[in-house]
């Protein structure tokens, strides 16, 4: 409230010619304080790997599930059948680790989903990048008897 009154007084003084407009804007800039951006240091996180027949996606999050970085083979420029290869999966992991490196993460729980060919290679490349893998869990959805079948057609 007091800051707003000071700003108004300075602007009125600048309009009347008592203070130059440059001085008024300089004092206005001083009143606004920049907040220092704090880099989060996260030691433990989760890696979610989704390997389908057509693509490989890797997302790294903190322990609560807030996403820190992600990448996919389609994002890296692989097209068609090359997106689901083990080589593309290693490149995806390399891209994600570059994005997440600034958080200082070194321990990961890995959750693998899907049946694609990049599953094992992406886990291996995570281990080779210097992460300590504490758990590897397969979370591929499996239908337990599935949906109800359609009734037979009567002719």
Protein backbone atom coordinates (compact mmCIF):
# COMPACT_ATOMS: atom_id res chain seq x y z
CA UNK A 1 0.00 0.00 0.00
CA UNK A 2 2.78 2.41 0.96
CA UNK A 3 4.76 1.43 -2.15
CA UNK A 4 1.77 2.20 -4.37
CA UNK A 5 1.37 5.66 -2.80
CA UNK A 6 5.07 6.40 -3.38
CA UNK A 7 4.74 5.34 -7.04
CA UNK A 8 1.73 7.59 -7.56
CA UNK A 9 3.51 10.55 -5.91
CA UNK A 10 6.58 10.03 -8.09
CA UNK A 11 4.50 9.81 -11.27
CA UNK A 12 2.62 13.02 -10.33
CA UNK A 13 5.93 14.74 -9.62
CA UNK A 14 7.26 13.54 -12.99
CA UNK A 15 4.20 14.89 -14.81
CA UNK A 16 4.46 18.30 -13.11
CA UNK A 17 8.14 18.51 -14.04
CA UNK A 18 9.62 18.32 -10.55
CA UNK A 19 11.39 15.00 -11.30
CA UNK A 20 12.35 13.64 -14.69
CA UNK A 21 10.46 10.63 -16.00
CA UNK A 22 13.72 8.62 -16.12
CA UNK A 23 14.28 9.07 -12.39
CA UNK A 24 10.70 8.06 -11.64
CA UNK A 25 11.04 4.86 -13.69
CA UNK A 26 14.39 4.10 -12.03
CA UNK A 27 12.87 4.32 -8.55
CA UNK A 28 9.95 2.21 -9.76
CA UNK A 29 12.37 -0.48 -10.91
CA UNK A 30 14.10 -0.45 -7.53
CA UNK A 31 10.85 -1.13 -5.70
CA UNK A 32 10.27 -4.33 -7.69
CA UNK A 33 12.57 -7.00 -6.32
CA UNK A 34 13.60 -9.92 -8.44
CA UNK A 35 12.98 -13.29 -6.90
CA UNK A 36 16.00 -15.53 -6.98
CA UNK A 37 15.21 -18.76 -8.83
CA UNK A 38 16.05 -21.73 -6.66
CA UNK A 39 17.28 -24.86 -8.41
CA UNK A 40 15.72 -27.94 -6.91
CA UNK A 41 18.17 -30.65 -5.95
CA UNK A 42 16.44 -34.00 -6.17
CA UNK A 43 18.41 -37.11 -5.31
CA UNK A 44 15.76 -39.81 -5.87
CA UNK A 45 13.21 -40.04 -8.67
CA UNK A 46 11.24 -42.26 -11.00
CA UNK A 47 11.74 -43.20 -14.64
CA UNK A 48 8.63 -44.19 -16.59
CA UNK A 49 9.43 -46.04 -19.82
CA UNK A 50 6.67 -46.77 -22.32
CA UNK A 51 7.72 -49.09 -25.14
CA UNK A 52 5.09 -49.78 -27.75
CA UNK A 53 5.41 -51.48 -31.13
CA UNK A 54 5.61 -48.04 -32.78
CA UNK A 55 7.43 -45.73 -30.33
CA UNK A 56 9.50 -45.46 -27.15
CA UNK A 57 8.79 -42.73 -24.59
CA UNK A 58 10.78 -42.00 -21.42
CA UNK A 59 9.68 -39.64 -18.64
CA UNK A 60 11.69 -38.86 -15.50
CA UNK A 61 9.88 -37.45 -12.48
CA UNK A 62 10.59 -36.80 -8.82
CA UNK A 63 9.39 -39.13 -6.06
CA UNK A 64 5.92 -37.52 -6.00
CA UNK A 65 5.44 -37.90 -9.77
CA UNK A 66 6.06 -34.28 -10.84
CA UNK A 67 7.66 -34.47 -14.28
CA UNK A 68 11.21 -33.14 -14.66
CA UNK A 69 11.90 -34.15 -18.27
CA UNK A 70 10.66 -36.39 -21.05
CA UNK A 71 11.52 -37.46 -24.56
CA UNK A 72 10.40 -39.89 -27.24
CA UNK A 73 11.93 -41.41 -30.33
CA UNK A 74 9.50 -39.52 -32.55
CA UNK A 75 10.61 -36.26 -30.93
CA UNK A 76 14.23 -37.04 -31.79
CA UNK A 77 13.43 -37.43 -35.48
CA UNK A 78 13.14 -41.19 -35.87
CA UNK A 79 10.40 -42.09 -38.34
CA UNK A 80 8.43 -45.20 -39.13
CA UNK A 81 9.75 -48.57 -37.97
CA UNK A 82 13.00 -47.03 -36.66
CA UNK A 83 11.13 -45.41 -33.75
CA UNK A 84 10.66 -48.73 -31.95
CA UNK A 85 14.27 -49.98 -32.25
CA UNK A 86 16.61 -50.50 -29.29
CA UNK A 87 18.99 -47.88 -30.72
CA UNK A 88 16.23 -45.26 -30.70
CA UNK A 89 15.46 -46.18 -27.07
CA UNK A 90 19.08 -45.55 -26.03
CA UNK A 91 19.03 -42.18 -27.80
CA UNK A 92 15.80 -41.23 -26.01
CA UNK A 93 17.34 -42.05 -22.63
CA UNK A 94 20.43 -40.01 -23.52
CA UNK A 95 18.23 -37.01 -24.39
CA UNK A 96 16.21 -37.24 -21.16
CA UNK A 97 19.28 -37.56 -18.96
CA UNK A 98 20.72 -34.37 -20.49
CA UNK A 99 17.52 -32.54 -19.55
CA UNK A 100 17.40 -33.93 -15.99
CA UNK A 101 21.13 -33.64 -15.23
CA UNK A 102 20.71 -30.14 -13.73
CA UNK A 103 18.57 -31.52 -10.86
CA UNK A 104 21.41 -33.68 -9.49
CA UNK A 105 19.43 -36.90 -9.54
CA UNK A 106 21.35 -40.14 -9.07
CA UNK A 107 18.83 -42.73 -7.82
CA UNK A 108 15.91 -44.00 -9.90
CA UNK A 109 12.97 -46.37 -9.59
CA UNK A 110 12.15 -47.65 -13.09
CA UNK A 111 8.60 -48.42 -14.24
CA UNK A 112 8.42 -50.18 -17.62
CA UNK A 113 5.19 -50.36 -19.60
CA UNK A 114 4.55 -52.06 -22.93
CA UNK A 115 5.96 -54.86 -25.05
CA UNK A 116 8.24 -53.02 -27.48
CA UNK A 117 11.82 -53.92 -28.35
CA UNK A 118 13.32 -50.89 -26.56
CA UNK A 119 12.50 -52.05 -23.02
CA UNK A 120 15.76 -53.69 -22.08
CA UNK A 121 18.05 -51.33 -23.95
CA UNK A 122 16.51 -48.26 -22.32
CA UNK A 123 17.02 -49.75 -18.84
CA UNK A 124 20.63 -50.64 -19.69
CA UNK A 125 21.35 -47.14 -20.97
CA UNK A 126 19.87 -45.62 -17.79
CA UNK A 127 22.30 -47.73 -15.77
CA UNK A 128 25.20 -46.75 -18.06
CA UNK A 129 24.41 -43.05 -17.63
CA UNK A 130 25.37 -43.28 -13.96
CA UNK A 131 21.97 -43.70 -12.34
CA UNK A 132 21.61 -46.16 -9.49
CA UNK A 133 18.52 -48.22 -10.29
CA UNK A 134 16.89 -49.18 -6.99
CA UNK A 135 13.83 -50.94 -8.44
CA UNK A 136 12.65 -52.12 -11.84
CA UNK A 137 8.93 -52.81 -12.08
CA UNK A 138 6.83 -53.97 -15.02
CA UNK A 139 3.52 -52.08 -15.02
CA UNK A 140 2.18 -53.32 -18.35
CA UNK A 141 -1.62 -53.39 -18.18
CA UNK A 142 -2.99 -56.92 -18.44
CA UNK A 143 -6.71 -57.53 -19.02
CA UNK A 144 -8.27 -59.89 -16.50
CA UNK A 145 -10.88 -61.54 -18.76
CA UNK A 146 -11.45 -58.24 -20.61
CA UNK A 147 -14.74 -56.65 -21.63
CA UNK A 148 -17.99 -58.51 -22.00
CA UNK A 149 -18.36 -60.16 -25.41
CA UNK A 150 -21.09 -59.16 -27.83
CA UNK A 151 -24.18 -61.33 -27.81
CA UNK A 152 -24.36 -63.84 -30.68
CA UNK A 153 -26.18 -62.69 -33.81
CA UNK A 154 -29.58 -64.27 -34.50
CA UNK A 155 -30.41 -64.82 -38.13
